Amino acid sequence: MGAESRLKELGIVLPQPPAAVANYVPFVRTGSLLVISGQLALGADGKLAPAHKGKLGQNVSIEAGQEAARLCGINILAQVKAAMGSLDHVAHCVKLGGFVNCAPGFDAIPAIINGASNLMADVFEARGKHARFAVGACELPLDSAVEIEAMFEIA
């Protein structure tokens, strides 16, 4: 089953891809790789929900952090669709890089980024299994709880 069919089956509607908030482009294609710039936990309205602003281990719950990571993943998919016209052109999700805005001592960082990793596996199935890094950060743009970048192999 193709990724576009899986999106419909999962009830996921991709938003308008967010515009860059600084001096960079949202994606770059080079050869068979598509690199997606870091995406924040912006909702369909283009804004951060209060539950997705701030620091894990301080004022953002684990569940809200995982939801934020999933939203980052949805925004990544929106960028892929903008770049390629269809998610069905993805041969493989190669890598995710996750940043978690967290208080000192917060160590559940991998569990937070699973919100996006699980989404990639749900949408792309076996082609969604990827390499990954997950790190804590003292601050993220717009006070987002999570930011995630991605790399895809394009068929």
N, C-alpha and C. Protein backbone atom coordinates (compact mmCIF):
# COMPACT_ATOMS: atom_id res chain seq x y z
N MET A 1 0.84 -1.18 0.00
CA MET A 1 0.00 0.00 0.00
C MET A 1 0.89 1.24 0.00
N GLY A 2 0.52 2.24 -0.78
CA GLY A 2 1.29 3.47 -0.86
C GLY A 2 1.08 4.37 0.35
N ALA A 3 2.01 5.27 0.53
CA ALA A 3 1.95 6.18 1.68
C ALA A 3 0.73 7.09 1.63
N GLU A 4 0.34 7.52 0.43
CA GLU A 4 -0.84 8.39 0.32
C GLU A 4 -2.10 7.63 0.78
N SER A 5 -2.21 6.37 0.42
CA SER A 5 -3.34 5.54 0.87
C SER A 5 -3.29 5.34 2.38
N ARG A 6 -2.08 5.13 2.91
CA ARG A 6 -1.94 4.96 4.36
C ARG A 6 -2.36 6.22 5.11
N LEU A 7 -2.01 7.39 4.57
CA LEU A 7 -2.44 8.64 5.21
C LEU A 7 -3.95 8.68 5.34
N LYS A 8 -4.65 8.38 4.25
CA LYS A 8 -6.12 8.38 4.27
C LYS A 8 -6.64 7.36 5.26
N GLU A 9 -6.07 6.17 5.24
CA GLU A 9 -6.48 5.11 6.15
C GLU A 9 -6.29 5.53 7.62
N LEU A 10 -5.22 6.26 7.90
CA LEU A 10 -4.93 6.73 9.25
C LEU A 10 -5.71 7.99 9.62
N GLY A 11 -6.42 8.58 8.65
CA GLY A 11 -7.20 9.79 8.90
C GLY A 11 -6.35 11.04 9.08
N ILE A 12 -5.19 11.05 8.46
CA ILE A 12 -4.27 12.20 8.58
C ILE A 12 -4.43 13.10 7.37
N VAL A 13 -4.71 14.37 7.63
CA VAL A 13 -4.78 15.39 6.58
C VAL A 13 -3.57 16.29 6.77
N LEU A 14 -2.76 16.39 5.73
CA LEU A 14 -1.55 17.22 5.82
C LEU A 14 -1.92 18.69 5.71
N PRO A 15 -1.31 19.53 6.56
CA PRO A 15 -1.55 20.97 6.49
C PRO A 15 -0.73 21.60 5.36
N GLN A 16 -0.97 22.88 5.12
CA GLN A 16 -0.07 23.66 4.27
C GLN A 16 1.30 23.58 4.92
N PRO A 17 2.35 23.28 4.16
CA PRO A 17 3.66 23.19 4.80
C PRO A 17 4.09 24.55 5.36
N PRO A 18 4.63 24.53 6.58
CA PRO A 18 5.06 25.80 7.18
C PRO A 18 6.18 26.46 6.38
N ALA A 19 6.15 27.77 6.35
CA ALA A 19 7.22 28.54 5.70
C ALA A 19 8.43 28.58 6.62
N ALA A 20 9.58 28.79 6.05
CA ALA A 20 10.81 28.94 6.82
C ALA A 20 10.68 30.18 7.71
N VAL A 21 11.23 30.09 8.94
CA VAL A 21 11.15 31.23 9.86
C VAL A 21 12.46 32.02 9.93
N ALA A 22 13.44 31.65 9.09
CA ALA A 22 14.72 32.36 9.06
C ALA A 22 15.33 32.19 7.67
N ASN A 23 16.64 32.36 7.54
CA ASN A 23 17.32 32.33 6.25
C ASN A 23 17.72 30.90 5.86
N TYR A 24 16.75 30.12 5.45
CA TYR A 24 16.97 28.75 4.96
C TYR A 24 15.77 28.35 4.11
N VAL A 25 15.87 27.22 3.44
CA VAL A 25 14.75 26.69 2.66
C VAL A 25 14.18 25.48 3.40
N PRO A 26 12.89 25.21 3.21
CA PRO A 26 12.26 24.11 3.94
C PRO A 26 12.75 22.72 3.54
N PHE A 27 13.25 22.59 2.32
CA PHE A 27 13.76 21.30 1.87
C PHE A 27 14.77 21.50 0.76
N VAL A 28 15.63 20.49 0.59
CA VAL A 28 16.61 20.47 -0.50
C VAL A 28 16.63 19.05 -1.05
N ARG A 29 16.56 18.95 -2.35
CA ARG A 29 16.71 17.65 -3.00
C ARG A 29 18.08 17.63 -3.67
N THR A 30 18.83 16.58 -3.40
CA THR A 30 20.13 16.39 -4.04
C THR A 30 20.24 14.91 -4.40
N GLY A 31 20.35 14.64 -5.69
CA GLY A 31 20.37 13.25 -6.14
C GLY A 31 19.10 12.54 -5.71
N SER A 32 19.25 11.40 -5.06
CA SER A 32 18.08 10.65 -4.62
C SER A 32 17.71 10.94 -3.16
N LEU A 33 18.31 11.99 -2.57
CA LEU A 33 18.00 12.35 -1.19
C LEU A 33 17.16 13.62 -1.13
N LEU A 34 16.20 13.61 -0.22
CA LEU A 34 15.40 14.79 0.09
C LEU A 34 15.63 15.09 1.56
N VAL A 35 16.18 16.26 1.85
CA VAL A 35 16.47 16.67 3.22
C VAL A 35 15.44 17.73 3.61
N ILE A 36 14.77 17.48 4.74
CA ILE A 36 13.76 18.40 5.25
C ILE A 36 14.33 19.16 6.43
N SER A 37 14.28 20.49 6.37
CA SER A 37 14.74 21.32 7.49
C SER A 37 13.91 21.04 8.73
N GLY A 38 14.46 21.41 9.88
CA GLY A 38 13.76 21.19 11.14
C GLY A 38 12.36 21.76 11.13
N GLN A 39 11.41 20.94 11.56
CA GLN A 39 10.01 21.34 11.62
C GLN A 39 9.58 21.43 13.07
N LEU A 40 8.82 22.45 13.37
CA LEU A 40 8.30 22.66 14.73
C LEU A 40 6.94 21.99 14.88
N ALA A 41 6.41 22.04 16.08
CA ALA A 41 5.13 21.41 16.41
C ALA A 41 3.96 22.34 16.09
N LEU A 42 3.99 22.94 14.91
CA LEU A 42 2.91 23.85 14.52
C LEU A 42 1.67 23.06 14.15
N GLY A 43 0.52 23.52 14.62
CA GLY A 43 -0.74 22.88 14.28
C GLY A 43 -1.21 23.30 12.90
N ALA A 44 -2.38 22.80 12.50
CA ALA A 44 -2.94 23.11 11.18
C ALA A 44 -3.18 24.61 11.01
N ASP A 45 -3.35 25.32 12.13
CA ASP A 45 -3.55 26.78 12.08
C ASP A 45 -2.23 27.54 11.96
N GLY A 46 -1.11 26.80 11.92
CA GLY A 46 0.20 27.43 11.80
C GLY A 46 0.76 27.97 13.10
N LYS A 47 0.12 27.62 14.22
CA LYS A 47 0.55 28.13 15.52
C LYS A 47 0.92 26.98 16.46
N LEU A 48 1.70 27.32 17.46
CA LEU A 48 2.01 26.35 18.52
C LEU A 48 0.90 26.36 19.55
N ALA A 49 0.37 25.19 19.87
CA ALA A 49 -0.62 25.09 20.94
C ALA A 49 0.09 25.34 22.27
N PRO A 50 -0.59 25.92 23.25
CA PRO A 50 0.05 26.14 24.56
C PRO A 50 0.67 24.86 25.15
N ALA A 51 0.06 23.70 24.92
CA ALA A 51 0.58 22.45 25.45
C ALA A 51 1.90 22.04 24.80
N HIS A 52 2.22 22.63 23.64
CA HIS A 52 3.44 22.28 22.90
C HIS A 52 4.52 23.36 22.98
N LYS A 53 4.34 24.28 23.93
CA LYS A 53 5.33 25.33 24.17
C LYS A 53 5.98 25.11 25.52
N GLY A 54 7.28 25.28 25.54
CA GLY A 54 7.99 25.19 26.82
C GLY A 54 8.88 23.98 26.91
N LYS A 55 9.18 23.59 28.15
CA LYS A 55 10.19 22.57 28.40
C LYS A 55 9.58 21.28 28.96
N LEU A 56 10.04 20.17 28.37
CA LEU A 56 9.73 18.87 28.95
C LEU A 56 10.44 18.79 30.29
N GLY A 57 9.79 18.17 31.27
CA GLY A 57 10.37 18.08 32.60
C GLY A 57 10.14 19.33 33.41
N GLN A 58 9.42 20.28 32.84
CA GLN A 58 9.11 21.52 33.57
C GLN A 58 7.62 21.82 33.42
N ASN A 59 7.18 22.27 32.23
CA ASN A 59 5.78 22.63 32.05
C ASN A 59 5.11 21.90 30.88
N VAL A 60 5.80 20.95 30.25
CA VAL A 60 5.22 20.16 29.15
C VAL A 60 5.27 18.69 29.56
N SER A 61 4.12 18.02 29.47
CA SER A 61 4.05 16.61 29.86
C SER A 61 4.67 15.70 28.79
N ILE A 62 4.99 14.49 29.19
CA ILE A 62 5.52 13.49 28.24
C ILE A 62 4.52 13.30 27.09
N GLU A 63 3.24 13.16 27.41
CA GLU A 63 2.21 12.95 26.39
C GLU A 63 2.14 14.13 25.42
N ALA A 64 2.18 15.34 25.95
CA ALA A 64 2.14 16.54 25.09
C ALA A 64 3.41 16.62 24.25
N GLY A 65 4.55 16.20 24.80
CA GLY A 65 5.79 16.18 24.04
C GLY A 65 5.73 15.20 22.89
N GLN A 66 5.15 14.03 23.12
CA GLN A 66 4.99 13.03 22.06
C GLN A 66 4.03 13.54 20.98
N GLU A 67 2.96 14.21 21.40
CA GLU A 67 2.03 14.82 20.44
C GLU A 67 2.75 15.89 19.62
N ALA A 68 3.60 16.68 20.27
CA ALA A 68 4.36 17.71 19.57
C ALA A 68 5.28 17.07 18.54
N ALA A 69 5.94 15.97 18.90
CA ALA A 69 6.83 15.28 17.96
C ALA A 69 6.03 14.74 16.78
N ARG A 70 4.84 14.23 17.04
CA ARG A 70 3.98 13.73 15.95
C ARG A 70 3.61 14.88 15.01
N LEU A 71 3.29 16.04 15.58
CA LEU A 71 2.99 17.22 14.74
C LEU A 71 4.19 17.62 13.91
N CYS A 72 5.37 17.56 14.50
CA CYS A 72 6.59 17.83 13.71
C CYS A 72 6.66 16.85 12.55
N GLY A 73 6.37 15.59 12.80
CA GLY A 73 6.37 14.57 11.75
C GLY A 73 5.34 14.86 10.67
N ILE A 74 4.17 15.30 11.06
CA ILE A 74 3.13 15.66 10.07
C ILE A 74 3.62 16.82 9.22
N ASN A 75 4.28 17.80 9.83
CA ASN A 75 4.82 18.93 9.07
C ASN A 75 5.96 18.49 8.15
N ILE A 76 6.74 17.51 8.59
CA ILE A 76 7.77 16.93 7.71
C ILE A 76 7.10 16.32 6.49
N LEU A 77 6.05 15.54 6.70
CA LEU A 77 5.35 14.91 5.58
C LEU A 77 4.74 15.96 4.65
N ALA A 78 4.25 17.07 5.20
CA ALA A 78 3.72 18.15 4.37
C ALA A 78 4.82 18.74 3.49
N GLN A 79 6.03 18.86 4.04
CA GLN A 79 7.16 19.36 3.24
C GLN A 79 7.55 18.36 2.15
N VAL A 80 7.53 17.06 2.47
CA VAL A 80 7.83 16.04 1.47
C VAL A 80 6.83 16.13 0.32
N LYS A 81 5.55 16.26 0.66
CA LYS A 81 4.52 16.36 -0.38
C LYS A 81 4.71 17.62 -1.22
N ALA A 82 5.08 18.73 -0.58
CA ALA A 82 5.33 19.97 -1.32
C ALA A 82 6.51 19.80 -2.27
N ALA A 83 7.53 19.08 -1.82
CA ALA A 83 8.73 18.88 -2.64
C ALA A 83 8.51 17.91 -3.78
N MET A 84 7.75 16.85 -3.53
CA MET A 84 7.66 15.73 -4.49
C MET A 84 6.29 15.59 -5.14
N GLY A 85 5.27 16.25 -4.62
CA GLY A 85 3.92 16.12 -5.17
C GLY A 85 3.14 14.95 -4.61
N SER A 86 3.85 13.96 -4.07
CA SER A 86 3.20 12.77 -3.49
C SER A 86 4.17 12.07 -2.55
N LEU A 87 3.64 11.55 -1.46
CA LEU A 87 4.47 10.76 -0.54
C LEU A 87 4.84 9.41 -1.13
N ASP A 88 4.16 9.02 -2.19
CA ASP A 88 4.44 7.74 -2.82
C ASP A 88 5.80 7.72 -3.51
N HIS A 89 6.47 8.87 -3.63
CA HIS A 89 7.81 8.92 -4.20
C HIS A 89 8.90 8.58 -3.18
N VAL A 90 8.51 8.41 -1.92
CA VAL A 90 9.48 8.09 -0.87
C VAL A 90 9.81 6.61 -0.94
N ALA A 91 11.10 6.31 -1.15
CA ALA A 91 11.56 4.92 -1.15
C ALA A 91 11.89 4.48 0.28
N HIS A 92 12.35 5.44 1.12
CA HIS A 92 12.74 5.09 2.47
C HIS A 92 12.90 6.35 3.32
N CYS A 93 12.43 6.31 4.54
CA CYS A 93 12.77 7.35 5.52
C CYS A 93 14.14 6.95 6.05
N VAL A 94 15.15 7.74 5.75
CA VAL A 94 16.53 7.39 6.08
C VAL A 94 16.88 7.78 7.51
N LYS A 95 16.52 9.01 7.92
CA LYS A 95 16.97 9.50 9.22
C LYS A 95 16.05 10.59 9.74
N LEU A 96 15.83 10.58 11.06
CA LEU A 96 15.19 11.68 11.77
C LEU A 96 16.20 12.22 12.78
N GLY A 97 16.19 13.52 12.96
CA GLY A 97 17.00 14.15 13.99
C GLY A 97 16.07 14.94 14.89
N GLY A 98 16.03 14.59 16.16
CA GLY A 98 15.07 15.23 17.07
C GLY A 98 15.72 16.04 18.17
N PHE A 99 15.17 17.20 18.39
CA PHE A 99 15.61 18.10 19.46
C PHE A 99 14.44 18.31 20.42
N VAL A 100 14.69 18.15 21.71
CA VAL A 100 13.65 18.32 22.72
C VAL A 100 14.06 19.46 23.64
N ASN A 101 13.20 20.45 23.73
CA ASN A 101 13.38 21.58 24.63
C ASN A 101 13.11 21.05 26.03
N CYS A 102 14.15 20.92 26.86
CA CYS A 102 13.93 20.26 28.14
C CYS A 102 14.69 20.92 29.28
N ALA A 103 14.15 20.67 30.46
CA ALA A 103 14.78 21.14 31.69
C ALA A 103 15.97 20.24 32.02
N PRO A 104 16.95 20.75 32.76
CA PRO A 104 18.07 19.91 33.18
C PRO A 104 17.56 18.67 33.92
N GLY A 105 18.18 17.53 33.62
CA GLY A 105 17.80 16.28 34.27
C GLY A 105 16.73 15.49 33.55
N PHE A 106 16.07 16.07 32.54
CA PHE A 106 15.05 15.33 31.79
C PHE A 106 15.75 14.35 30.87
N ASP A 107 15.46 13.06 31.02
CA ASP A 107 16.18 12.06 30.24
C ASP A 107 15.29 11.15 29.39
N ALA A 108 14.01 11.48 29.27
CA ALA A 108 13.09 10.66 28.45
C ALA A 108 13.04 11.18 27.01
N ILE A 109 14.14 11.74 26.55
CA ILE A 109 14.20 12.35 25.22
C ILE A 109 13.85 11.36 24.10
N PRO A 110 14.39 10.13 24.10
CA PRO A 110 14.02 9.19 23.03
C PRO A 110 12.52 8.90 22.98
N ALA A 111 11.88 8.80 24.14
CA ALA A 111 10.44 8.52 24.17
C ALA A 111 9.64 9.65 23.52
N ILE A 112 10.12 10.87 23.65
CA ILE A 112 9.42 12.02 23.04
C ILE A 112 9.52 11.91 21.52
N ILE A 113 10.70 11.69 20.99
CA ILE A 113 10.90 11.64 19.53
C ILE A 113 10.18 10.45 18.92
N ASN A 114 9.85 9.44 19.73
CA ASN A 114 9.05 8.32 19.21
C ASN A 114 7.72 8.79 18.62
N GLY A 115 7.22 9.94 19.04
CA GLY A 115 5.98 10.47 18.44
C GLY A 115 6.12 10.63 16.94
N ALA A 116 7.29 11.05 16.47
CA ALA A 116 7.53 11.19 15.02
C ALA A 116 7.98 9.86 14.41
N SER A 117 8.81 9.12 15.11
CA SER A 117 9.27 7.83 14.58
C SER A 117 8.11 6.88 14.35
N ASN A 118 7.18 6.83 15.30
CA ASN A 118 6.01 5.97 15.14
C ASN A 118 5.17 6.39 13.95
N LEU A 119 5.05 7.70 13.73
CA LEU A 119 4.29 8.20 12.57
C LEU A 119 4.93 7.73 11.27
N MET A 120 6.25 7.83 11.16
CA MET A 120 6.93 7.40 9.93
C MET A 120 6.69 5.90 9.68
N ALA A 121 6.76 5.10 10.74
CA ALA A 121 6.49 3.66 10.60
C ALA A 121 5.04 3.41 10.21
N ASP A 122 4.11 4.18 10.76
CA ASP A 122 2.70 4.01 10.42
C ASP A 122 2.42 4.36 8.96
N VAL A 123 3.02 5.44 8.49
CA VAL A 123 2.74 5.92 7.13
C VAL A 123 3.51 5.11 6.07
N PHE A 124 4.79 4.87 6.32
CA PHE A 124 5.62 4.22 5.30
C PHE A 124 5.85 2.73 5.57
N GLU A 125 5.31 2.22 6.67
CA GLU A 125 5.45 0.82 7.07
C GLU A 125 6.94 0.45 7.14
N ALA A 126 7.38 -0.63 6.56
CA ALA A 126 8.79 -1.06 6.66
C ALA A 126 9.73 0.01 6.12
N ARG A 127 9.29 0.80 5.14
CA ARG A 127 10.13 1.86 4.56
C ARG A 127 10.27 3.06 5.50
N GLY A 128 9.53 3.02 6.61
CA GLY A 128 9.58 4.11 7.58
C GLY A 128 10.57 3.91 8.70
N LYS A 129 11.19 2.73 8.78
CA LYS A 129 12.21 2.47 9.81
C LYS A 129 13.47 3.25 9.45
N HIS A 130 14.02 3.98 10.40
CA HIS A 130 15.08 4.95 10.10
C HIS A 130 16.15 4.99 11.18
N ALA A 131 17.29 5.56 10.81
CA ALA A 131 18.31 5.94 11.78
C ALA A 131 17.82 7.23 12.46
N ARG A 132 18.40 7.54 13.63
CA ARG A 132 17.84 8.68 14.35
C ARG A 132 18.83 9.20 15.39
N PHE A 133 18.70 10.49 15.70
CA PHE A 133 19.31 11.01 16.92
C PHE A 133 18.24 11.77 17.68
N ALA A 134 18.40 11.82 18.98
CA ALA A 134 17.46 12.53 19.85
C ALA A 134 18.28 13.19 20.95
N VAL A 135 18.24 14.51 20.99
CA VAL A 135 19.04 15.25 21.97
C VAL A 135 18.20 16.29 22.68
N GLY A 136 18.62 16.62 23.88
CA GLY A 136 17.99 17.69 24.63
C GLY A 136 18.61 19.03 24.26
N ALA A 137 17.79 20.07 24.30
CA ALA A 137 18.25 21.43 23.99
C ALA A 137 17.73 22.37 25.07
N CYS A 138 18.49 23.44 25.31
CA CYS A 138 18.06 24.39 26.34
C CYS A 138 16.99 25.35 25.83
N GLU A 139 16.89 25.53 24.51
CA GLU A 139 15.87 26.40 23.91
C GLU A 139 15.66 25.95 22.47
N LEU A 140 14.44 26.16 21.96
CA LEU A 140 14.13 25.91 20.56
C LEU A 140 13.37 27.11 20.01
N PRO A 141 13.36 27.28 18.67
CA PRO A 141 12.66 28.42 18.08
C PRO A 141 11.19 28.49 18.52
N LEU A 142 10.72 29.70 18.76
CA LEU A 142 9.34 29.99 19.15
C LEU A 142 8.92 29.28 20.43
N ASP A 143 9.89 28.79 21.21
CA ASP A 143 9.65 28.04 22.45
C ASP A 143 8.94 26.71 22.19
N SER A 144 9.11 26.17 20.98
CA SER A 144 8.52 24.87 20.66
C SER A 144 9.13 23.81 21.57
N ALA A 145 8.32 22.87 22.01
CA ALA A 145 8.79 21.78 22.86
C ALA A 145 9.69 20.81 22.08
N VAL A 146 9.47 20.72 20.75
CA VAL A 146 10.19 19.76 19.92
C VAL A 146 10.47 20.36 18.55
N GLU A 147 11.59 19.96 17.95
CA GLU A 147 11.92 20.27 16.55
C GLU A 147 12.54 19.01 15.95
N ILE A 148 12.13 18.67 14.73
CA ILE A 148 12.64 17.45 14.10
C ILE A 148 12.98 17.73 12.64
N GLU A 149 14.14 17.21 12.22
CA GLU A 149 14.57 17.27 10.82
C GLU A 149 14.51 15.86 10.25
N ALA A 150 14.56 15.74 8.92
CA ALA A 150 14.45 14.42 8.31
C ALA A 150 15.20 14.32 7.00
N MET A 151 15.49 13.07 6.63
CA MET A 151 16.12 12.78 5.35
C MET A 151 15.41 11.56 4.76
N PHE A 152 15.09 11.65 3.46
CA PHE A 152 14.39 10.58 2.75
C PHE A 152 15.13 10.19 1.49
N GLU A 153 15.06 8.91 1.15
CA GLU A 153 15.50 8.46 -0.17
C GLU A 153 14.28 8.53 -1.07
N ILE A 154 14.46 9.13 -2.25
CA ILE A 154 13.38 9.33 -3.20
C ILE A 154 13.55 8.38 -4.36
N ALA A 155 12.46 7.72 -4.73
CA ALA A 155 12.50 6.78 -5.88
C ALA A 155 12.23 7.51 -7.17
